[in-house]
């Protein structure tokens, strides 16, 4: 079994919620508009997001500045669900920029580079 590096261990220990807060803070500091639709608890104790129709699987964040990007955040070993895959594919097919970001992307500077880029080609 491969031994994890300290950076890999740290990435695996960062929660999706911590990653989300870091990304939102950085995006806002760089002048991005940020939309995140968070769930609320119903009287029955269920967590739901108050949106209709095909909203299941919609990306976690919509960021707008000189372009629009859609971001799905995942824990280091987290997987996209089938409906998340559908949304990301549909957005890509429509010409939108989409990203799946994990703690390792935060730690290696990928997220910062994407948010600082004026054009997507700059990060390629």
N, C-alpha and C. Protein backbone atom coordinates (compact mmCIF):
# COMPACT_ATOMS: atom_id res chain seq x y z
N UNK A 1 0.84 -1.17 0.00
CA UNK A 1 0.00 0.00 0.00
C UNK A 1 0.89 1.24 0.00
N UNK A 2 0.54 2.19 -0.88
CA UNK A 2 1.31 3.41 -1.00
C UNK A 2 1.13 4.29 0.24
N UNK A 3 2.21 4.80 0.73
CA UNK A 3 2.16 5.70 1.88
C UNK A 3 1.82 7.11 1.39
N UNK A 4 0.88 7.77 2.06
CA UNK A 4 0.46 9.10 1.66
C UNK A 4 1.49 10.14 2.09
N UNK A 5 1.68 11.14 1.22
CA UNK A 5 2.54 12.26 1.59
C UNK A 5 1.79 13.13 2.59
N UNK A 6 2.49 13.99 3.32
CA UNK A 6 1.78 14.90 4.24
C UNK A 6 0.74 15.76 3.52
N UNK A 7 1.03 16.20 2.30
CA UNK A 7 0.08 17.00 1.55
C UNK A 7 -1.16 16.18 1.19
N UNK A 8 -0.98 14.92 0.81
CA UNK A 8 -2.11 14.05 0.50
C UNK A 8 -2.95 13.79 1.75
N UNK A 9 -2.30 13.61 2.89
CA UNK A 9 -3.01 13.41 4.14
C UNK A 9 -3.84 14.64 4.50
N UNK A 10 -3.24 15.82 4.32
CA UNK A 10 -3.96 17.06 4.62
C UNK A 10 -5.14 17.24 3.68
N UNK A 11 -4.95 16.94 2.39
CA UNK A 11 -6.05 17.06 1.42
C UNK A 11 -7.20 16.13 1.80
N UNK A 12 -6.88 14.93 2.21
CA UNK A 12 -7.93 13.98 2.59
C UNK A 12 -8.65 14.37 3.86
N UNK A 13 -7.99 15.17 4.70
CA UNK A 13 -8.62 15.57 5.97
C UNK A 13 -9.49 16.83 5.82
N UNK A 14 -9.34 17.56 4.71
CA UNK A 14 -10.14 18.77 4.52
C UNK A 14 -11.55 18.39 4.08
N UNK A 15 -12.53 18.93 4.78
CA UNK A 15 -13.93 18.63 4.44
C UNK A 15 -14.38 19.45 3.23
N UNK A 16 -15.43 18.99 2.61
CA UNK A 16 -16.02 19.74 1.50
C UNK A 16 -16.49 21.12 1.98
N UNK A 17 -17.04 21.18 3.20
CA UNK A 17 -17.49 22.46 3.76
C UNK A 17 -16.33 23.43 3.93
N UNK A 18 -15.18 22.93 4.40
CA UNK A 18 -14.00 23.79 4.55
C UNK A 18 -13.52 24.27 3.19
N UNK A 19 -13.49 23.38 2.21
CA UNK A 19 -13.09 23.74 0.86
C UNK A 19 -14.03 24.81 0.32
N UNK A 20 -15.32 24.60 0.51
CA UNK A 20 -16.31 25.56 0.02
C UNK A 20 -16.07 26.94 0.62
N UNK A 21 -15.86 27.02 1.92
CA UNK A 21 -15.63 28.31 2.56
C UNK A 21 -14.36 28.97 2.03
N UNK A 22 -13.31 28.20 1.82
CA UNK A 22 -12.07 28.74 1.26
C UNK A 22 -12.29 29.29 -0.14
N UNK A 23 -12.98 28.54 -0.98
CA UNK A 23 -13.21 28.97 -2.36
C UNK A 23 -14.07 30.23 -2.39
N UNK A 24 -15.13 30.25 -1.61
CA UNK A 24 -16.01 31.42 -1.57
C UNK A 24 -15.25 32.65 -1.09
N UNK A 25 -14.47 32.51 -0.04
CA UNK A 25 -13.70 33.64 0.48
C UNK A 25 -12.73 34.18 -0.57
N UNK A 26 -12.00 33.29 -1.23
CA UNK A 26 -11.05 33.71 -2.25
C UNK A 26 -11.77 34.36 -3.43
N UNK A 27 -12.84 33.76 -3.89
CA UNK A 27 -13.58 34.31 -5.03
C UNK A 27 -14.10 35.71 -4.72
N UNK A 28 -14.69 35.88 -3.56
CA UNK A 28 -15.22 37.20 -3.19
C UNK A 28 -14.11 38.22 -3.05
N UNK A 29 -12.96 37.80 -2.51
CA UNK A 29 -11.82 38.71 -2.37
C UNK A 29 -11.31 39.16 -3.73
N UNK A 30 -11.50 38.33 -4.75
CA UNK A 30 -11.05 38.66 -6.09
C UNK A 30 -12.14 39.31 -6.95
N UNK A 31 -13.26 39.63 -6.33
CA UNK A 31 -14.31 40.36 -7.03
C UNK A 31 -15.33 39.53 -7.78
N UNK A 32 -15.36 38.22 -7.54
CA UNK A 32 -16.35 37.36 -8.18
C UNK A 32 -17.70 37.51 -7.46
N UNK A 33 -18.78 37.45 -8.21
CA UNK A 33 -20.10 37.24 -7.63
C UNK A 33 -20.23 35.75 -7.39
N UNK A 34 -20.79 35.38 -6.25
CA UNK A 34 -20.87 33.96 -5.87
C UNK A 34 -22.31 33.59 -5.55
N UNK A 35 -22.78 32.53 -6.17
CA UNK A 35 -24.10 31.99 -5.83
C UNK A 35 -23.93 30.56 -5.35
N UNK A 36 -24.53 30.29 -4.19
CA UNK A 36 -24.55 28.94 -3.63
C UNK A 36 -25.93 28.72 -3.06
N UNK A 37 -26.56 27.62 -3.44
CA UNK A 37 -27.91 27.33 -2.98
C UNK A 37 -27.80 26.27 -1.90
N UNK A 38 -28.03 26.67 -0.68
CA UNK A 38 -27.83 25.73 0.42
C UNK A 38 -29.14 25.14 0.90
N UNK A 39 -29.09 23.93 1.37
CA UNK A 39 -30.31 23.27 1.84
C UNK A 39 -30.75 23.80 3.21
N UNK A 40 -32.01 23.63 3.46
CA UNK A 40 -32.57 23.96 4.76
C UNK A 40 -33.33 22.75 5.30
N UNK A 41 -33.53 22.74 6.61
CA UNK A 41 -34.22 21.61 7.23
C UNK A 41 -35.73 21.86 7.26
N UNK A 42 -36.47 20.86 6.82
CA UNK A 42 -37.92 20.95 6.88
C UNK A 42 -38.42 20.65 8.29
N UNK A 43 -39.71 20.85 8.52
CA UNK A 43 -40.29 20.54 9.83
C UNK A 43 -40.15 19.06 10.17
N UNK A 44 -40.05 18.23 9.16
CA UNK A 44 -39.91 16.78 9.37
C UNK A 44 -38.47 16.36 9.61
N UNK A 45 -37.55 17.32 9.54
CA UNK A 45 -36.15 16.99 9.79
C UNK A 45 -35.36 16.58 8.56
N UNK A 46 -35.96 16.74 7.38
CA UNK A 46 -35.26 16.43 6.13
C UNK A 46 -34.54 17.67 5.62
N UNK A 47 -33.39 17.45 5.01
CA UNK A 47 -32.65 18.55 4.40
C UNK A 47 -33.01 18.62 2.92
N UNK A 48 -33.49 19.80 2.46
CA UNK A 48 -33.84 19.99 1.06
C UNK A 48 -33.39 21.37 0.60
N UNK A 49 -33.13 21.49 -0.69
CA UNK A 49 -32.83 22.78 -1.29
C UNK A 49 -34.08 23.22 -2.02
N UNK A 50 -34.54 24.43 -1.73
CA UNK A 50 -35.81 24.92 -2.25
C UNK A 50 -35.68 25.38 -3.70
N UNK A 51 -35.57 24.44 -4.60
CA UNK A 51 -35.56 24.71 -6.04
C UNK A 51 -36.43 23.64 -6.71
N UNK A 52 -36.83 23.92 -7.94
CA UNK A 52 -37.73 23.00 -8.61
C UNK A 52 -37.13 22.41 -9.88
N UNK A 53 -37.81 21.45 -10.40
CA UNK A 53 -37.56 20.81 -11.68
C UNK A 53 -36.25 20.04 -11.70
N UNK A 54 -35.31 20.39 -12.54
CA UNK A 54 -34.11 19.58 -12.74
C UNK A 54 -32.95 20.03 -11.85
N UNK A 55 -33.22 20.51 -10.68
CA UNK A 55 -32.18 21.10 -9.84
C UNK A 55 -31.27 20.07 -9.17
N UNK A 56 -31.72 18.85 -9.02
CA UNK A 56 -30.87 17.84 -8.38
C UNK A 56 -29.57 17.71 -9.15
N UNK A 57 -28.47 17.80 -8.45
CA UNK A 57 -27.16 17.67 -9.08
C UNK A 57 -26.57 18.95 -9.62
N UNK A 58 -27.30 20.07 -9.50
CA UNK A 58 -26.78 21.35 -9.99
C UNK A 58 -25.48 21.67 -9.24
N UNK A 59 -24.49 22.25 -9.92
CA UNK A 59 -23.20 22.52 -9.26
C UNK A 59 -23.32 23.34 -7.99
N UNK A 60 -22.36 23.14 -7.09
CA UNK A 60 -22.37 23.81 -5.79
C UNK A 60 -22.26 25.32 -5.89
N UNK A 61 -21.44 25.80 -6.82
CA UNK A 61 -21.18 27.23 -6.92
C UNK A 61 -21.32 27.71 -8.35
N UNK A 62 -21.87 28.91 -8.50
CA UNK A 62 -21.85 29.63 -9.76
C UNK A 62 -21.07 30.90 -9.48
N UNK A 63 -19.98 31.10 -10.22
CA UNK A 63 -19.11 32.26 -10.01
C UNK A 63 -19.14 33.11 -11.27
N UNK A 64 -19.32 34.43 -11.09
CA UNK A 64 -19.43 35.33 -12.23
C UNK A 64 -18.50 36.52 -12.02
N UNK A 65 -17.70 36.79 -13.02
CA UNK A 65 -16.84 37.97 -13.04
C UNK A 65 -16.75 38.40 -14.50
N UNK A 66 -15.68 38.10 -15.16
CA UNK A 66 -15.58 38.38 -16.60
C UNK A 66 -16.06 37.18 -17.41
N UNK A 67 -16.43 36.14 -16.74
CA UNK A 67 -16.99 34.93 -17.34
C UNK A 67 -17.81 34.24 -16.25
N UNK A 68 -18.50 33.20 -16.63
CA UNK A 68 -19.27 32.41 -15.67
C UNK A 68 -18.62 31.04 -15.56
N UNK A 69 -18.40 30.58 -14.33
CA UNK A 69 -17.92 29.22 -14.14
C UNK A 69 -18.82 28.50 -13.15
N UNK A 70 -18.98 27.23 -13.38
CA UNK A 70 -19.78 26.36 -12.53
C UNK A 70 -18.84 25.39 -11.84
N UNK A 71 -18.98 25.27 -10.53
CA UNK A 71 -18.03 24.48 -9.75
C UNK A 71 -18.76 23.46 -8.89
N UNK A 72 -18.34 22.23 -9.01
CA UNK A 72 -18.78 21.18 -8.09
C UNK A 72 -17.62 20.92 -7.14
N UNK A 73 -17.87 20.98 -5.87
CA UNK A 73 -16.85 20.74 -4.85
C UNK A 73 -17.00 19.33 -4.31
N UNK A 74 -15.87 18.67 -4.14
CA UNK A 74 -15.88 17.31 -3.63
C UNK A 74 -14.76 17.13 -2.61
N UNK A 75 -15.00 16.26 -1.64
CA UNK A 75 -13.92 15.83 -0.75
C UNK A 75 -12.88 15.14 -1.63
N UNK A 76 -11.71 14.95 -1.12
CA UNK A 76 -10.61 14.44 -1.93
C UNK A 76 -10.96 13.14 -2.65
N UNK A 77 -11.67 12.26 -2.01
CA UNK A 77 -12.01 10.97 -2.63
C UNK A 77 -13.46 10.90 -3.07
N UNK A 78 -14.17 12.04 -3.01
CA UNK A 78 -15.59 12.06 -3.38
C UNK A 78 -15.80 11.88 -4.87
N UNK A 79 -16.92 11.31 -5.23
CA UNK A 79 -17.28 11.03 -6.62
C UNK A 79 -18.51 11.84 -7.01
N UNK A 80 -18.56 12.24 -8.28
CA UNK A 80 -19.76 12.88 -8.79
C UNK A 80 -20.90 11.86 -8.85
N UNK A 81 -22.09 12.31 -8.52
CA UNK A 81 -23.26 11.44 -8.69
C UNK A 81 -23.65 11.46 -10.17
N UNK A 82 -24.53 10.56 -10.54
CA UNK A 82 -25.00 10.51 -11.93
C UNK A 82 -25.63 11.83 -12.36
N UNK A 83 -26.48 12.42 -11.49
CA UNK A 83 -27.14 13.68 -11.87
C UNK A 83 -26.14 14.84 -11.91
N UNK A 84 -25.12 14.80 -11.09
CA UNK A 84 -24.07 15.82 -11.17
C UNK A 84 -23.31 15.70 -12.50
N UNK A 85 -23.05 14.48 -12.92
CA UNK A 85 -22.40 14.24 -14.21
C UNK A 85 -23.26 14.79 -15.35
N UNK A 86 -24.57 14.59 -15.26
CA UNK A 86 -25.48 15.09 -16.30
C UNK A 86 -25.40 16.61 -16.38
N UNK A 87 -25.46 17.28 -15.23
CA UNK A 87 -25.38 18.75 -15.22
C UNK A 87 -24.05 19.24 -15.80
N UNK A 88 -22.95 18.67 -15.36
CA UNK A 88 -21.64 19.13 -15.82
C UNK A 88 -21.50 18.90 -17.33
N UNK A 89 -21.98 17.77 -17.80
CA UNK A 89 -21.92 17.47 -19.23
C UNK A 89 -22.79 18.45 -20.02
N UNK A 90 -24.00 18.71 -19.55
CA UNK A 90 -24.91 19.62 -20.24
C UNK A 90 -24.33 21.04 -20.28
N UNK A 91 -23.76 21.49 -19.18
CA UNK A 91 -23.16 22.82 -19.15
C UNK A 91 -21.96 22.91 -20.09
N UNK A 92 -21.13 21.87 -20.08
CA UNK A 92 -19.99 21.84 -21.02
C UNK A 92 -20.48 21.86 -22.46
N UNK A 93 -21.48 21.06 -22.75
CA UNK A 93 -22.04 21.00 -24.11
C UNK A 93 -22.58 22.36 -24.54
N UNK A 94 -23.08 23.14 -23.59
CA UNK A 94 -23.61 24.48 -23.87
C UNK A 94 -22.50 25.52 -23.94
N UNK A 95 -21.24 25.09 -23.79
CA UNK A 95 -20.12 26.01 -23.91
C UNK A 95 -19.70 26.67 -22.61
N UNK A 96 -20.24 26.22 -21.49
CA UNK A 96 -19.91 26.81 -20.19
C UNK A 96 -18.65 26.16 -19.62
N UNK A 97 -17.96 26.91 -18.77
CA UNK A 97 -16.76 26.41 -18.10
C UNK A 97 -17.16 25.75 -16.79
N UNK A 98 -16.78 24.49 -16.62
CA UNK A 98 -17.12 23.75 -15.41
C UNK A 98 -15.85 23.18 -14.80
N UNK A 99 -15.88 23.05 -13.48
CA UNK A 99 -14.74 22.49 -12.75
C UNK A 99 -15.25 21.61 -11.62
N UNK A 100 -14.53 20.54 -11.35
CA UNK A 100 -14.72 19.76 -10.14
C UNK A 100 -13.46 20.00 -9.32
N UNK A 101 -13.64 20.65 -8.17
CA UNK A 101 -12.49 21.00 -7.33
C UNK A 101 -12.49 20.18 -6.06
N UNK A 102 -11.29 19.78 -5.67
CA UNK A 102 -11.05 18.99 -4.47
C UNK A 102 -10.01 19.71 -3.61
N UNK A 103 -9.86 19.31 -2.37
CA UNK A 103 -8.86 19.95 -1.51
C UNK A 103 -7.46 20.00 -2.13
N UNK A 104 -7.08 18.98 -2.88
CA UNK A 104 -5.75 19.00 -3.50
C UNK A 104 -5.62 20.14 -4.49
N UNK A 105 -6.72 20.52 -5.15
CA UNK A 105 -6.70 21.66 -6.07
C UNK A 105 -6.51 22.96 -5.31
N UNK A 106 -7.06 23.03 -4.11
CA UNK A 106 -6.85 24.21 -3.26
C UNK A 106 -5.38 24.29 -2.85
N UNK A 107 -4.87 23.18 -2.41
CA UNK A 107 -3.52 23.16 -1.87
C UNK A 107 -2.45 23.36 -2.94
N UNK A 108 -2.67 22.90 -4.17
CA UNK A 108 -1.63 23.05 -5.19
C UNK A 108 -1.77 24.33 -6.01
N UNK A 109 -2.75 25.18 -5.67
CA UNK A 109 -2.88 26.48 -6.31
C UNK A 109 -3.74 26.51 -7.56
N UNK A 110 -4.29 25.37 -7.96
CA UNK A 110 -5.12 25.33 -9.16
C UNK A 110 -6.30 26.28 -9.07
N UNK A 111 -7.00 26.26 -7.95
CA UNK A 111 -8.19 27.10 -7.78
C UNK A 111 -7.81 28.57 -7.85
N UNK A 112 -6.76 28.94 -7.19
CA UNK A 112 -6.30 30.34 -7.22
C UNK A 112 -5.95 30.76 -8.65
N UNK A 113 -5.30 29.89 -9.40
CA UNK A 113 -4.95 30.22 -10.79
C UNK A 113 -6.20 30.38 -11.65
N UNK A 114 -7.18 29.51 -11.48
CA UNK A 114 -8.41 29.63 -12.26
C UNK A 114 -9.13 30.94 -11.94
N UNK A 115 -9.24 31.26 -10.68
CA UNK A 115 -9.95 32.48 -10.30
C UNK A 115 -9.20 33.74 -10.70
N UNK A 116 -7.89 33.67 -10.81
CA UNK A 116 -7.08 34.83 -11.19
C UNK A 116 -7.01 35.00 -12.70
N UNK A 117 -7.30 33.95 -13.47
CA UNK A 117 -7.17 34.01 -14.93
C UNK A 117 -8.27 34.88 -15.53
N UNK A 118 -7.86 35.68 -16.51
CA UNK A 118 -8.83 36.51 -17.22
C UNK A 118 -9.54 35.67 -18.29
N UNK A 119 -8.80 34.82 -18.92
CA UNK A 119 -9.37 33.91 -19.92
C UNK A 119 -9.00 32.50 -19.53
N UNK A 120 -9.88 31.56 -19.78
CA UNK A 120 -9.65 30.16 -19.43
C UNK A 120 -8.37 29.65 -20.06
N UNK A 121 -8.04 30.09 -21.26
CA UNK A 121 -6.83 29.61 -21.93
C UNK A 121 -5.57 29.89 -21.11
N UNK A 122 -5.61 30.90 -20.25
CA UNK A 122 -4.44 31.24 -19.45
C UNK A 122 -4.08 30.16 -18.46
N UNK A 123 -5.01 29.29 -18.11
CA UNK A 123 -4.73 28.28 -17.09
C UNK A 123 -4.37 26.94 -17.71
N UNK A 124 -4.44 26.82 -19.02
CA UNK A 124 -4.17 25.56 -19.70
C UNK A 124 -2.77 25.19 -19.63
